[in-house]
């Protein structure tokens, strides 16, 4: 098993919180650090409000992790990539043990139009992926 962190794809939603909880449980089982990641396309089109909202979203994750005693890192990635691309790239860069993501129910049309970040992560990740529901 890789020796790096457990990565958590995080958005401050019920699904994101479920992913964070599952990652904490996994990290305790194997004494691994956690890296919480939120991703935004960013670029010149990113407003000050969006940047502030991105940082605000991570406050919940920081608060939860501060009480766990686990080694952790919280990152906001603004690389211009899709969420799936950012998570898979970071998993490769850090030799991640696992990626934990939250899943939400989507309509068939929503899946067709929007694609599926979860599917791309599951197919392209260089490590195991744990997908949880809220």
N, C-alpha and C. Protein backbone atom coordinates (compact mmCIF):
# COMPACT_ATOMS: atom_id res chain seq x y z
N UNK A 1 0.85 -1.18 0.00
CA UNK A 1 0.00 0.00 0.00
C UNK A 1 0.89 1.24 0.00
N UNK A 2 0.54 2.25 -0.79
CA UNK A 2 1.33 3.49 -0.79
C UNK A 2 1.39 4.10 0.61
N UNK A 3 2.44 4.87 0.85
CA UNK A 3 2.66 5.42 2.19
C UNK A 3 2.19 6.85 2.35
N UNK A 4 1.60 7.43 1.32
CA UNK A 4 1.19 8.83 1.38
C UNK A 4 -0.11 9.02 2.14
N UNK A 5 -0.68 10.21 1.98
CA UNK A 5 -1.90 10.55 2.73
C UNK A 5 -3.15 9.92 2.14
N UNK A 6 -4.21 10.02 2.91
CA UNK A 6 -5.55 9.74 2.41
C UNK A 6 -6.08 11.08 1.91
N UNK A 7 -6.42 11.14 0.63
CA UNK A 7 -6.95 12.37 0.05
C UNK A 7 -8.46 12.38 0.16
N UNK A 8 -9.01 13.56 0.45
CA UNK A 8 -10.46 13.72 0.51
C UNK A 8 -10.86 14.82 -0.46
N UNK A 9 -11.69 14.48 -1.43
CA UNK A 9 -12.28 15.49 -2.29
C UNK A 9 -13.40 16.15 -1.50
N UNK A 10 -13.25 17.45 -1.21
CA UNK A 10 -14.16 18.08 -0.26
C UNK A 10 -14.86 19.31 -0.83
N UNK A 11 -16.16 19.35 -0.59
CA UNK A 11 -16.99 20.52 -0.76
C UNK A 11 -17.88 20.54 0.48
N UNK A 12 -18.17 21.70 1.02
CA UNK A 12 -18.94 21.76 2.26
C UNK A 12 -20.42 21.47 1.98
N UNK A 13 -20.71 20.20 1.75
CA UNK A 13 -22.05 19.68 1.50
C UNK A 13 -22.21 18.43 2.35
N UNK A 14 -23.41 17.88 2.45
CA UNK A 14 -23.55 16.61 3.18
C UNK A 14 -22.65 15.51 2.61
N UNK A 15 -22.49 15.47 1.29
CA UNK A 15 -21.64 14.45 0.68
C UNK A 15 -20.17 14.68 1.04
N UNK A 16 -19.75 15.94 1.01
CA UNK A 16 -18.37 16.26 1.37
C UNK A 16 -18.07 15.95 2.82
N UNK A 17 -19.04 16.23 3.69
CA UNK A 17 -18.86 15.94 5.11
C UNK A 17 -18.80 14.44 5.36
N UNK A 18 -19.61 13.67 4.62
CA UNK A 18 -19.56 12.21 4.74
C UNK A 18 -18.21 11.68 4.29
N UNK A 19 -17.66 12.26 3.22
CA UNK A 19 -16.34 11.85 2.74
C UNK A 19 -15.28 12.16 3.79
N UNK A 20 -15.36 13.33 4.41
CA UNK A 20 -14.39 13.70 5.44
C UNK A 20 -14.48 12.74 6.63
N UNK A 21 -15.69 12.42 7.08
CA UNK A 21 -15.86 11.48 8.18
C UNK A 21 -15.28 10.11 7.85
N UNK A 22 -15.53 9.65 6.63
CA UNK A 22 -15.01 8.33 6.21
C UNK A 22 -13.47 8.36 6.14
N UNK A 23 -12.92 9.46 5.67
CA UNK A 23 -11.46 9.58 5.58
C UNK A 23 -10.83 9.57 6.98
N UNK A 24 -11.47 10.25 7.91
CA UNK A 24 -10.96 10.25 9.29
C UNK A 24 -10.96 8.84 9.85
N UNK A 25 -12.03 8.10 9.63
CA UNK A 25 -12.10 6.71 10.10
C UNK A 25 -11.00 5.86 9.47
N UNK A 26 -10.78 6.01 8.16
CA UNK A 26 -9.74 5.25 7.48
C UNK A 26 -8.35 5.64 7.99
N UNK A 27 -8.13 6.94 8.19
CA UNK A 27 -6.82 7.41 8.67
C UNK A 27 -6.50 6.85 10.05
N UNK A 28 -7.52 6.76 10.88
CA UNK A 28 -7.30 6.19 12.22
C UNK A 28 -6.94 4.71 12.13
N UNK A 29 -7.53 4.00 11.18
CA UNK A 29 -7.25 2.56 11.03
C UNK A 29 -5.80 2.29 10.64
N UNK A 30 -5.25 3.14 9.79
CA UNK A 30 -3.89 2.87 9.26
C UNK A 30 -2.87 3.92 9.69
N UNK A 31 -3.24 4.80 10.62
CA UNK A 31 -2.34 5.86 11.12
C UNK A 31 -1.76 6.67 9.97
N UNK A 32 -2.64 7.14 9.09
CA UNK A 32 -2.21 7.91 7.92
C UNK A 32 -2.58 9.38 8.08
N UNK A 33 -1.82 10.25 7.46
CA UNK A 33 -2.23 11.65 7.41
C UNK A 33 -3.38 11.83 6.42
N UNK A 34 -4.08 12.94 6.56
CA UNK A 34 -5.19 13.27 5.67
C UNK A 34 -4.87 14.57 4.94
N UNK A 35 -5.17 14.59 3.65
CA UNK A 35 -5.10 15.82 2.87
C UNK A 35 -6.49 16.08 2.32
N UNK A 36 -7.08 17.19 2.76
CA UNK A 36 -8.40 17.60 2.28
C UNK A 36 -8.18 18.54 1.11
N UNK A 37 -8.88 18.28 0.01
CA UNK A 37 -8.69 19.05 -1.21
C UNK A 37 -10.02 19.55 -1.74
N UNK A 38 -10.06 20.83 -2.03
CA UNK A 38 -11.17 21.38 -2.79
C UNK A 38 -10.57 21.97 -4.05
N UNK A 39 -11.29 21.88 -5.14
CA UNK A 39 -10.75 22.29 -6.43
C UNK A 39 -11.68 23.28 -7.10
N UNK A 40 -11.09 24.26 -7.74
CA UNK A 40 -11.84 25.28 -8.48
C UNK A 40 -11.06 25.58 -9.75
N UNK A 41 -11.76 25.79 -10.84
CA UNK A 41 -11.07 26.10 -12.10
C UNK A 41 -10.25 27.37 -12.01
N UNK A 42 -10.78 28.37 -11.27
CA UNK A 42 -10.02 29.60 -11.05
C UNK A 42 -9.77 30.40 -12.30
N UNK A 43 -8.59 30.95 -12.39
CA UNK A 43 -8.23 31.75 -13.54
C UNK A 43 -8.74 33.17 -13.41
N UNK A 44 -8.64 33.91 -14.49
CA UNK A 44 -9.02 35.32 -14.49
C UNK A 44 -10.50 35.50 -14.19
N UNK A 45 -11.31 34.47 -14.43
CA UNK A 45 -12.75 34.58 -14.20
C UNK A 45 -13.17 34.37 -12.76
N UNK A 46 -12.23 34.02 -11.87
CA UNK A 46 -12.58 33.77 -10.47
C UNK A 46 -12.72 35.09 -9.73
N UNK A 47 -13.89 35.29 -9.17
CA UNK A 47 -14.16 36.54 -8.46
C UNK A 47 -13.61 36.48 -7.04
N UNK A 48 -13.53 37.62 -6.41
CA UNK A 48 -13.12 37.70 -5.01
C UNK A 48 -14.10 36.93 -4.14
N UNK A 49 -15.38 37.03 -4.45
CA UNK A 49 -16.40 36.31 -3.69
C UNK A 49 -16.20 34.80 -3.82
N UNK A 50 -15.91 34.32 -5.02
CA UNK A 50 -15.67 32.88 -5.21
C UNK A 50 -14.46 32.42 -4.41
N UNK A 51 -13.41 33.22 -4.41
CA UNK A 51 -12.21 32.88 -3.64
C UNK A 51 -12.52 32.83 -2.15
N UNK A 52 -13.30 33.80 -1.68
CA UNK A 52 -13.69 33.84 -0.27
C UNK A 52 -14.58 32.65 0.08
N UNK A 53 -15.53 32.32 -0.80
CA UNK A 53 -16.41 31.17 -0.58
C UNK A 53 -15.61 29.87 -0.54
N UNK A 54 -14.61 29.76 -1.41
CA UNK A 54 -13.77 28.57 -1.43
C UNK A 54 -13.06 28.40 -0.09
N UNK A 55 -12.52 29.49 0.41
CA UNK A 55 -11.83 29.44 1.71
C UNK A 55 -12.82 29.16 2.85
N UNK A 56 -14.00 29.76 2.79
CA UNK A 56 -15.02 29.51 3.82
C UNK A 56 -15.44 28.05 3.85
N UNK A 57 -15.55 27.44 2.68
CA UNK A 57 -15.93 26.02 2.61
C UNK A 57 -14.95 25.13 3.36
N UNK A 58 -13.69 25.53 3.38
CA UNK A 58 -12.67 24.70 4.03
C UNK A 58 -12.64 24.87 5.55
N UNK A 59 -13.31 25.90 6.06
CA UNK A 59 -13.29 26.13 7.51
C UNK A 59 -13.90 24.97 8.29
N UNK A 60 -14.97 24.38 7.76
CA UNK A 60 -15.57 23.23 8.44
C UNK A 60 -14.59 22.07 8.52
N UNK A 61 -13.92 21.80 7.42
CA UNK A 61 -12.94 20.70 7.41
C UNK A 61 -11.82 20.96 8.42
N UNK A 62 -11.32 22.18 8.46
CA UNK A 62 -10.26 22.52 9.43
C UNK A 62 -10.74 22.33 10.87
N UNK A 63 -11.96 22.77 11.13
CA UNK A 63 -12.51 22.65 12.48
C UNK A 63 -12.66 21.19 12.89
N UNK A 64 -13.17 20.37 12.00
CA UNK A 64 -13.34 18.94 12.30
C UNK A 64 -11.99 18.28 12.52
N UNK A 65 -11.04 18.54 11.64
CA UNK A 65 -9.73 17.89 11.73
C UNK A 65 -8.92 18.34 12.94
N UNK A 66 -9.11 19.58 13.37
CA UNK A 66 -8.31 20.09 14.49
C UNK A 66 -8.56 19.30 15.77
N UNK A 67 -9.73 18.69 15.89
CA UNK A 67 -10.04 17.91 17.08
C UNK A 67 -9.73 16.44 16.99
N UNK A 68 -9.14 15.99 15.89
CA UNK A 68 -8.92 14.55 15.72
C UNK A 68 -7.56 14.06 16.20
N UNK A 69 -6.60 14.96 16.28
CA UNK A 69 -5.24 14.53 16.60
C UNK A 69 -4.50 13.94 15.43
N UNK A 70 -5.14 13.89 14.26
CA UNK A 70 -4.50 13.34 13.06
C UNK A 70 -3.65 14.41 12.37
N UNK A 71 -2.57 13.99 11.75
CA UNK A 71 -1.78 14.88 10.92
C UNK A 71 -2.62 15.18 9.69
N UNK A 72 -2.75 16.46 9.34
CA UNK A 72 -3.62 16.81 8.21
C UNK A 72 -3.13 18.06 7.50
N UNK A 73 -3.61 18.19 6.28
CA UNK A 73 -3.32 19.33 5.43
C UNK A 73 -4.63 19.66 4.72
N UNK A 74 -4.91 20.95 4.55
CA UNK A 74 -6.13 21.37 3.85
C UNK A 74 -5.70 22.28 2.71
N UNK A 75 -6.09 21.92 1.49
CA UNK A 75 -5.65 22.66 0.31
C UNK A 75 -6.81 23.07 -0.58
N UNK A 76 -6.70 24.27 -1.11
CA UNK A 76 -7.60 24.75 -2.16
C UNK A 76 -6.77 24.80 -3.43
N UNK A 77 -7.12 24.00 -4.40
CA UNK A 77 -6.40 23.97 -5.67
C UNK A 77 -7.13 24.82 -6.70
N UNK A 78 -6.41 25.71 -7.31
CA UNK A 78 -6.97 26.58 -8.35
C UNK A 78 -6.01 26.49 -9.53
N UNK A 79 -5.99 25.32 -10.13
CA UNK A 79 -5.03 25.02 -11.21
C UNK A 79 -5.65 25.12 -12.60
N UNK A 80 -6.95 25.35 -12.66
CA UNK A 80 -7.62 25.39 -13.95
C UNK A 80 -8.06 24.02 -14.44
N UNK A 81 -7.99 23.01 -13.57
CA UNK A 81 -8.35 21.64 -13.94
C UNK A 81 -9.76 21.28 -13.46
N UNK A 82 -10.27 20.19 -14.00
CA UNK A 82 -11.48 19.59 -13.45
C UNK A 82 -11.15 19.03 -12.07
N UNK A 83 -12.17 18.87 -11.24
CA UNK A 83 -11.99 18.29 -9.91
C UNK A 83 -11.32 16.92 -10.01
N UNK A 84 -11.80 16.08 -10.89
CA UNK A 84 -11.25 14.74 -11.03
C UNK A 84 -9.78 14.79 -11.41
N UNK A 85 -9.44 15.64 -12.33
CA UNK A 85 -8.04 15.76 -12.77
C UNK A 85 -7.15 16.21 -11.60
N UNK A 86 -7.62 17.19 -10.82
CA UNK A 86 -6.85 17.66 -9.68
C UNK A 86 -6.63 16.54 -8.66
N UNK A 87 -7.68 15.80 -8.33
CA UNK A 87 -7.54 14.73 -7.33
C UNK A 87 -6.62 13.62 -7.81
N UNK A 88 -6.79 13.21 -9.05
CA UNK A 88 -5.94 12.13 -9.58
C UNK A 88 -4.48 12.59 -9.66
N UNK A 89 -4.25 13.81 -10.12
CA UNK A 89 -2.88 14.33 -10.19
C UNK A 89 -2.25 14.42 -8.80
N UNK A 90 -3.00 14.93 -7.82
CA UNK A 90 -2.46 15.05 -6.47
C UNK A 90 -2.23 13.67 -5.85
N UNK A 91 -3.09 12.72 -6.13
CA UNK A 91 -2.88 11.36 -5.63
C UNK A 91 -1.58 10.79 -6.17
N UNK A 92 -1.30 11.05 -7.43
CA UNK A 92 -0.05 10.58 -8.02
C UNK A 92 1.15 11.31 -7.40
N UNK A 93 1.05 12.63 -7.28
CA UNK A 93 2.14 13.45 -6.73
C UNK A 93 2.49 13.06 -5.30
N UNK A 94 1.49 12.71 -4.50
CA UNK A 94 1.71 12.45 -3.07
C UNK A 94 1.80 10.96 -2.73
N UNK A 95 1.70 10.09 -3.73
CA UNK A 95 1.67 8.65 -3.50
C UNK A 95 0.56 8.30 -2.51
N UNK A 96 -0.63 8.84 -2.77
CA UNK A 96 -1.76 8.69 -1.86
C UNK A 96 -2.12 7.23 -1.61
N UNK A 97 -2.52 6.95 -0.39
CA UNK A 97 -2.98 5.62 -0.02
C UNK A 97 -4.37 5.35 -0.58
N UNK A 98 -5.18 6.42 -0.62
CA UNK A 98 -6.58 6.27 -0.97
C UNK A 98 -7.15 7.65 -1.28
N UNK A 99 -8.18 7.67 -2.10
CA UNK A 99 -8.98 8.88 -2.32
C UNK A 99 -10.37 8.59 -1.79
N UNK A 100 -10.92 9.52 -1.03
CA UNK A 100 -12.28 9.38 -0.52
C UNK A 100 -13.12 10.50 -1.12
N UNK A 101 -14.24 10.12 -1.72
CA UNK A 101 -15.13 11.09 -2.35
C UNK A 101 -16.56 10.85 -1.88
N UNK A 102 -17.35 11.90 -1.89
CA UNK A 102 -18.77 11.78 -1.58
C UNK A 102 -19.55 11.71 -2.89
N UNK A 103 -20.59 10.91 -2.89
CA UNK A 103 -21.43 10.77 -4.08
C UNK A 103 -22.80 11.38 -3.83
N UNK A 104 -23.32 12.02 -4.85
CA UNK A 104 -24.69 12.53 -4.77
C UNK A 104 -25.49 11.92 -5.91
N UNK A 105 -26.76 11.79 -5.67
CA UNK A 105 -27.65 11.22 -6.67
C UNK A 105 -27.90 12.25 -7.76
N UNK A 106 -27.79 11.80 -9.02
CA UNK A 106 -28.05 12.69 -10.15
C UNK A 106 -28.98 12.00 -11.13
N UNK A 107 -29.73 12.80 -11.84
CA UNK A 107 -30.65 12.24 -12.83
C UNK A 107 -29.84 11.72 -14.02
N UNK A 108 -30.42 10.82 -14.81
CA UNK A 108 -29.72 10.33 -16.00
C UNK A 108 -29.33 11.47 -16.95
N UNK A 109 -30.20 12.46 -17.09
CA UNK A 109 -29.87 13.60 -17.96
C UNK A 109 -28.72 14.39 -17.38
N UNK A 110 -28.71 14.58 -16.07
CA UNK A 110 -27.62 15.29 -15.41
C UNK A 110 -26.30 14.59 -15.62
N UNK A 111 -26.31 13.27 -15.58
CA UNK A 111 -25.08 12.50 -15.81
C UNK A 111 -24.60 12.66 -17.24
N UNK A 112 -25.54 12.69 -18.17
CA UNK A 112 -25.19 12.81 -19.58
C UNK A 112 -24.62 14.18 -19.90
N UNK A 113 -25.25 15.23 -19.39
CA UNK A 113 -24.82 16.59 -19.69
C UNK A 113 -23.54 16.96 -18.95
N UNK A 114 -23.47 16.63 -17.68
CA UNK A 114 -22.37 17.09 -16.84
C UNK A 114 -21.17 16.14 -16.81
N UNK A 115 -21.33 14.92 -17.26
CA UNK A 115 -20.25 13.96 -17.09
C UNK A 115 -20.21 13.51 -15.65
N UNK A 116 -19.20 12.76 -15.29
CA UNK A 116 -19.14 12.27 -13.93
C UNK A 116 -17.72 12.34 -13.39
N UNK A 117 -17.48 13.30 -12.49
CA UNK A 117 -16.18 13.38 -11.84
C UNK A 117 -15.88 12.10 -11.08
N UNK A 118 -16.89 11.58 -10.40
CA UNK A 118 -16.69 10.35 -9.63
C UNK A 118 -16.23 9.21 -10.53
N UNK A 119 -16.85 9.07 -11.68
CA UNK A 119 -16.47 8.00 -12.60
C UNK A 119 -15.03 8.19 -13.07
N UNK A 120 -14.65 9.42 -13.40
CA UNK A 120 -13.29 9.66 -13.86
C UNK A 120 -12.28 9.35 -12.75
N UNK A 121 -12.60 9.74 -11.52
CA UNK A 121 -11.70 9.45 -10.40
C UNK A 121 -11.57 7.94 -10.22
N UNK A 122 -12.71 7.23 -10.24
CA UNK A 122 -12.68 5.78 -10.06
C UNK A 122 -11.84 5.09 -11.13
N UNK A 123 -11.94 5.57 -12.36
CA UNK A 123 -11.23 4.93 -13.47
C UNK A 123 -9.76 5.31 -13.55
N UNK A 124 -9.42 6.55 -13.18
CA UNK A 124 -8.06 7.04 -13.41
C UNK A 124 -7.18 7.08 -12.17
N UNK A 125 -7.72 6.90 -10.99
CA UNK A 125 -6.93 7.02 -9.76
C UNK A 125 -5.83 5.97 -9.68
N UNK A 126 -4.66 6.37 -9.19
CA UNK A 126 -3.55 5.43 -9.06
C UNK A 126 -3.60 4.64 -7.74
N UNK A 127 -4.71 4.78 -7.00
CA UNK A 127 -4.85 4.15 -5.68
C UNK A 127 -6.32 3.76 -5.49
N UNK A 128 -6.61 3.04 -4.41
CA UNK A 128 -8.02 2.72 -4.14
C UNK A 128 -8.85 3.98 -3.95
N UNK A 129 -10.13 3.90 -4.28
CA UNK A 129 -11.07 5.01 -4.10
C UNK A 129 -12.24 4.51 -3.26
N UNK A 130 -12.54 5.26 -2.22
CA UNK A 130 -13.70 4.97 -1.38
C UNK A 130 -14.75 6.02 -1.69
N UNK A 131 -15.90 5.59 -2.17
CA UNK A 131 -17.00 6.51 -2.50
C UNK A 131 -18.10 6.30 -1.46
N UNK A 132 -18.52 7.40 -0.82
CA UNK A 132 -19.53 7.32 0.24
C UNK A 132 -20.72 8.20 -0.07
N UNK A 133 -21.85 7.83 0.50
CA UNK A 133 -23.08 8.63 0.37
C UNK A 133 -23.27 9.43 1.64
N UNK A 134 -24.01 10.52 1.52
CA UNK A 134 -24.31 11.35 2.70
C UNK A 134 -25.22 10.60 3.63
